[in-house]
Amino acid sequence: MGGESGGSSTPSGGNGGSVTPLPTPGSTGGTGTPAPTATKKQFYGTISLDPVKAKMDFATIMDEVVQQFTAKLGVNVKISVEIKASSRDGFDESMQRTVKENCNVLRFNSAEFEEES
């Protein structure tokens, strides 16, 4: 029963002595060693929403994207909302006052009407 001593045995001879590892996904090829990848530490994404479906779309974004981050401890998430509205005829004083009051109550960082430049 030679060669089976329970320790590791080194194959001798030509066939089976050397096995070429298969490349793994993300590897550079020949050596089977994965290529080093930088750890991604930030995410940034933007999307334009249809104003008619924005409430539903925003809920989906919260469920499918934001929740991935908020479910993990130590992840800081910042969400910014930008609203742009323009009217060929302009916005009357009543609408401007209502929108500004609503933005104030909702604690917008900034909310301004301006003339077209």
Protein backbone atom coordinates (compact mmCIF):
# COMPACT_ATOMS: atom_id res chain seq x y z
CA MET A 1 0.00 0.00 0.00
CA GLY A 2 2.76 2.39 -0.87
CA GLY A 3 2.19 6.13 -1.07
CA GLU A 4 -0.96 6.18 1.10
CA SER A 5 0.48 7.22 4.42
CA GLY A 6 -2.30 9.65 5.28
CA GLY A 7 -0.13 12.72 4.59
CA SER A 8 -0.21 14.75 1.44
CA SER A 9 1.28 13.09 -1.52
CA THR A 10 2.82 14.85 -4.44
CA PRO A 11 1.72 13.49 -7.80
CA SER A 12 4.54 12.19 -9.85
CA GLY A 13 4.59 11.90 -13.57
CA GLY A 14 3.15 13.92 -16.44
CA ASN A 15 -0.64 13.51 -16.39
CA GLY A 16 -2.56 15.08 -13.52
CA GLY A 17 0.45 16.71 -11.95
CA SER A 18 -0.55 20.25 -12.85
CA VAL A 19 -4.08 21.58 -13.20
CA THR A 20 -4.76 24.91 -14.87
CA PRO A 21 -7.50 26.69 -12.92
CA LEU A 22 -10.50 27.93 -14.85
CA PRO A 23 -10.83 31.74 -15.04
CA THR A 24 -13.34 33.19 -12.62
CA PRO A 25 -15.71 36.03 -13.47
CA GLY A 26 -13.89 39.32 -13.19
CA SER A 27 -10.47 37.72 -13.57
CA THR A 28 -7.76 38.81 -15.89
CA GLY A 29 -7.38 35.37 -17.36
CA GLY A 30 -4.41 33.03 -17.13
CA THR A 31 -3.66 32.90 -13.42
CA GLY A 32 -7.21 32.48 -12.13
CA THR A 33 -6.62 35.36 -9.74
CA PRO A 34 -9.43 37.93 -9.81
CA ALA A 35 -8.47 41.40 -10.91
CA PRO A 36 -8.43 43.78 -7.95
CA THR A 37 -11.55 45.93 -7.84
CA ALA A 38 -11.88 49.17 -5.94
CA THR A 39 -14.47 49.15 -3.19
CA LYS A 40 -17.31 51.42 -4.21
CA LYS A 41 -18.18 53.70 -1.30
CA GLN A 42 -20.64 56.15 -2.81
CA PHE A 43 -23.75 56.01 -4.95
CA TYR A 44 -25.35 58.82 -6.90
CA GLY A 45 -28.41 58.50 -9.08
CA THR A 46 -30.79 60.88 -10.81
CA ILE A 47 -34.12 60.29 -12.50
CA SER A 48 -36.79 62.44 -14.11
CA LEU A 49 -40.34 61.64 -13.07
CA ASP A 50 -43.62 62.21 -14.86
CA PRO A 51 -45.39 64.82 -12.70
CA VAL A 52 -48.70 62.95 -13.04
CA LYS A 53 -47.22 59.67 -11.74
CA ALA A 54 -44.51 61.11 -9.48
CA LYS A 55 -46.11 60.04 -6.20
CA MET A 56 -46.37 56.40 -7.32
CA ASP A 57 -42.94 56.43 -8.97
CA PHE A 58 -41.30 57.97 -5.90
CA ALA A 59 -42.81 55.25 -3.70
CA THR A 60 -41.33 52.64 -6.04
CA ILE A 61 -37.92 54.33 -5.90
CA MET A 62 -38.09 54.30 -2.10
CA ASP A 63 -39.00 50.59 -2.05
CA GLU A 64 -36.59 49.37 -4.70
CA VAL A 65 -33.53 51.62 -4.27
CA VAL A 66 -33.48 53.69 -1.10
CA GLN A 67 -34.54 50.80 1.12
CA GLN A 68 -31.49 48.83 -0.04
CA PHE A 69 -29.32 51.47 1.61
CA THR A 70 -31.43 52.25 4.68
CA ALA A 71 -31.68 48.57 5.60
CA LYS A 72 -27.91 48.43 6.12
CA LEU A 73 -26.35 49.88 9.27
CA GLY A 74 -23.78 52.60 8.77
CA VAL A 75 -25.08 53.82 5.41
CA ASN A 76 -25.87 57.53 5.24
CA VAL A 77 -28.55 58.39 2.70
CA LYS A 78 -29.45 61.84 1.44
CA ILE A 79 -32.41 62.41 -0.84
CA SER A 80 -32.87 65.71 -2.66
CA VAL A 81 -35.93 66.70 -4.64
CA GLU A 82 -35.71 69.35 -7.33
CA ILE A 83 -38.84 70.77 -8.89
CA LYS A 84 -38.78 72.94 -12.00
CA ALA A 85 -41.96 74.46 -13.38
CA SER A 86 -42.37 76.98 -16.16
CA SER A 87 -45.39 78.58 -17.74
CA ARG A 88 -45.59 80.51 -20.95
CA ASP A 89 -48.31 82.70 -19.38
CA GLY A 90 -46.58 83.09 -16.01
CA PHE A 91 -47.84 82.26 -12.52
CA ASP A 92 -50.44 84.51 -10.91
CA GLU A 93 -49.97 85.98 -7.43
CA SER A 94 -52.40 83.53 -5.81
CA MET A 95 -50.52 80.48 -7.10
CA GLN A 96 -47.17 81.95 -6.16
CA ARG A 97 -48.37 82.67 -2.62
CA THR A 98 -49.88 79.18 -2.21
CA VAL A 99 -46.78 77.39 -3.52
CA LYS A 100 -44.42 79.50 -1.39
CA GLU A 101 -46.53 78.88 1.74
CA ASN A 102 -46.66 75.14 1.06
CA CYS A 103 -42.91 75.02 0.49
CA ASN A 104 -42.35 76.94 3.73
CA VAL A 105 -44.56 74.52 5.71
CA LEU A 106 -42.76 71.57 4.09
CA ARG A 107 -39.40 73.15 5.02
CA PHE A 108 -37.95 73.47 1.52
CA ASN A 109 -34.35 74.75 1.60
CA SER A 110 -35.20 77.14 -1.21
CA ALA A 111 -38.27 77.90 -3.29
CA GLU A 112 -38.33 80.88 -5.62
CA PHE A 113 -40.23 82.13 -8.60
CA GLU A 114 -38.21 84.05 -11.15
CA GLU A 115 -38.63 85.84 -14.41
CA GLU A 116 -37.43 84.09 -17.50
CA SER A 117 -33.92 85.18 -18.37
